[in-house]
Amino acid sequence: MTQRPRPADIYLRFLQLAEAVRGLPSLPALEPLEERILEIIAHARLKQERLSVKDLMGKRDLGSPAMLHGRLKSMREKGWILLAETEDARRKQLELSKAALTHFDKLSKCLLKAAKG
């Protein structure tokens, strides 16, 4: 009788597979703060909530508005996020780019593969 893998083993296998995905030529790597911002944008998308640049600026634990604007500009240039128009021309909504969604699709496949063993 074969033993079921421990949850820790599944997670470690996922990390190994995900690292291979990150090594593929696609989007440029993100800095740690950019990864955190990406997680916030992805979480808002998952909850089907709109997240504006102003909303992100309200999260004081991420840093100063100037620093956040710099990171958002960098993330746009790297192809991870988009700024979408809203009813108010002064407010821009943060969205994941198609390339970022494709990246998450690849990571999801890694997770499923790791869980299968």
Protein backbone atom coordinates (compact mmCIF):
# COMPACT_ATOMS: atom_id res chain seq x y z
CA MET A 1 0.00 0.00 0.00
CA THR A 2 1.44 3.35 -1.01
CA GLN A 3 1.57 6.22 1.42
CA ARG A 4 -0.24 9.40 0.63
CA PRO A 5 2.14 12.33 0.29
CA ARG A 6 2.21 14.75 3.16
CA PRO A 7 0.76 18.19 2.45
CA ALA A 8 4.24 19.62 2.97
CA ASP A 9 5.61 17.34 0.24
CA ILE A 10 2.88 18.47 -2.17
CA TYR A 11 3.66 22.10 -1.44
CA LEU A 12 7.40 21.58 -1.87
CA ARG A 13 6.78 19.78 -5.18
CA PHE A 14 4.61 22.73 -6.25
CA LEU A 15 7.41 25.19 -5.37
CA GLN A 16 9.83 23.16 -7.47
CA LEU A 17 7.45 23.11 -10.45
CA ALA A 18 6.62 26.80 -10.03
CA GLU A 19 10.32 27.67 -10.03
CA ALA A 20 10.63 25.92 -13.38
CA VAL A 21 7.73 28.03 -14.73
CA ARG A 22 9.36 31.21 -13.46
CA GLY A 23 12.51 30.22 -15.34
CA LEU A 24 10.67 30.09 -18.66
CA PRO A 25 10.95 33.15 -20.85
CA SER A 26 7.74 35.09 -20.38
CA LEU A 27 7.35 38.07 -18.09
CA PRO A 28 10.27 39.81 -16.36
CA ALA A 29 10.73 39.00 -12.69
CA LEU A 30 9.07 41.14 -10.04
CA GLU A 31 10.65 42.70 -7.00
CA PRO A 32 9.18 41.60 -3.62
CA LEU A 33 6.98 44.71 -3.29
CA GLU A 34 5.75 44.22 -6.85
CA GLU A 35 4.85 40.61 -6.04
CA ARG A 36 2.85 41.84 -3.03
CA ILE A 37 1.04 44.39 -5.20
CA LEU A 38 0.32 41.67 -7.78
CA GLU A 39 -1.19 39.49 -5.04
CA ILE A 40 -3.43 42.37 -3.93
CA ILE A 41 -4.63 42.97 -7.49
CA ALA A 42 -5.20 39.24 -8.04
CA HIS A 43 -7.10 38.95 -4.75
CA ALA A 44 -9.37 41.86 -5.71
CA ARG A 45 -10.00 40.18 -9.08
CA LEU A 46 -10.85 36.91 -7.39
CA LYS A 47 -13.37 38.69 -5.17
CA GLN A 48 -14.67 40.54 -8.27
CA GLU A 49 -13.85 43.87 -6.64
CA ARG A 50 -12.56 46.92 -8.41
CA LEU A 51 -9.18 48.14 -7.22
CA SER A 52 -8.08 51.62 -8.19
CA VAL A 53 -4.65 53.16 -7.93
CA LYS A 54 -6.11 55.38 -5.20
CA ASP A 55 -7.30 52.30 -3.27
CA LEU A 56 -3.79 50.87 -3.43
CA MET A 57 -2.30 54.16 -2.25
CA GLY A 58 -4.52 53.88 0.83
CA LYS A 59 -2.62 50.79 1.95
CA ARG A 60 0.01 52.58 3.98
CA ASP A 61 1.88 49.36 4.81
CA LEU A 62 3.05 49.15 1.18
CA GLY A 63 5.06 52.36 1.26
CA SER A 64 4.78 55.93 0.10
CA PRO A 65 2.56 56.95 -2.81
CA ALA A 66 5.66 57.93 -4.83
CA MET A 67 7.20 54.49 -4.29
CA LEU A 68 3.94 52.74 -5.21
CA HIS A 69 3.56 54.81 -8.38
CA GLY A 70 7.10 53.77 -9.31
CA ARG A 71 6.35 50.11 -8.71
CA LEU A 72 3.09 50.30 -10.69
CA LYS A 73 4.93 51.93 -13.59
CA SER A 74 7.57 49.19 -13.45
CA MET A 75 4.90 46.46 -13.37
CA ARG A 76 3.14 47.99 -16.38
CA GLU A 77 6.41 48.18 -18.29
CA LYS A 78 7.16 44.55 -17.42
CA GLY A 79 3.72 43.54 -18.73
CA TRP A 80 2.16 42.33 -15.48
CA ILE A 81 -0.63 44.86 -15.04
CA LEU A 82 -2.83 47.30 -16.93
CA LEU A 83 -4.47 50.55 -15.95
CA ALA A 84 -8.09 50.68 -17.12
CA GLU A 85 -10.29 53.73 -17.46
CA THR A 86 -13.25 54.19 -15.10
CA GLU A 87 -16.27 56.48 -15.15
CA ASP A 88 -14.08 59.08 -13.44
CA ALA A 89 -11.20 59.93 -15.79
CA ARG A 90 -9.05 60.76 -12.76
CA ARG A 91 -9.32 57.22 -11.36
CA LYS A 92 -7.55 54.28 -12.96
CA GLN A 93 -8.47 50.69 -12.18
CA LEU A 94 -5.70 48.12 -11.72
CA GLU A 95 -6.08 44.92 -13.70
CA LEU A 96 -3.97 41.87 -14.41
CA SER A 97 -2.63 41.69 -17.93
CA LYS A 98 -3.38 38.76 -20.22
CA ALA A 99 0.23 37.64 -19.77
CA ALA A 100 -0.16 37.71 -15.96
CA LEU A 101 -3.33 35.61 -16.20
CA THR A 102 -1.47 33.14 -18.43
CA HIS A 103 1.30 33.01 -15.82
CA PHE A 104 -1.28 32.20 -13.12
CA ASP A 105 -2.75 29.51 -15.39
CA LYS A 106 0.68 27.89 -15.61
CA LEU A 107 1.12 28.06 -11.83
CA SER A 108 -2.33 26.48 -11.39
CA LYS A 109 -1.27 23.58 -13.60
CA CYS A 110 1.84 23.18 -11.44
CA LEU A 111 -0.33 23.03 -8.33
CA LEU A 112 -2.59 20.38 -9.85
CA LYS A 113 0.42 18.37 -11.01
CA ALA A 114 2.02 18.55 -7.57
CA ALA A 115 -1.21 17.41 -5.90
CA LYS A 116 -1.48 14.41 -8.23
CA GLY A 117 2.03 13.36 -7.34
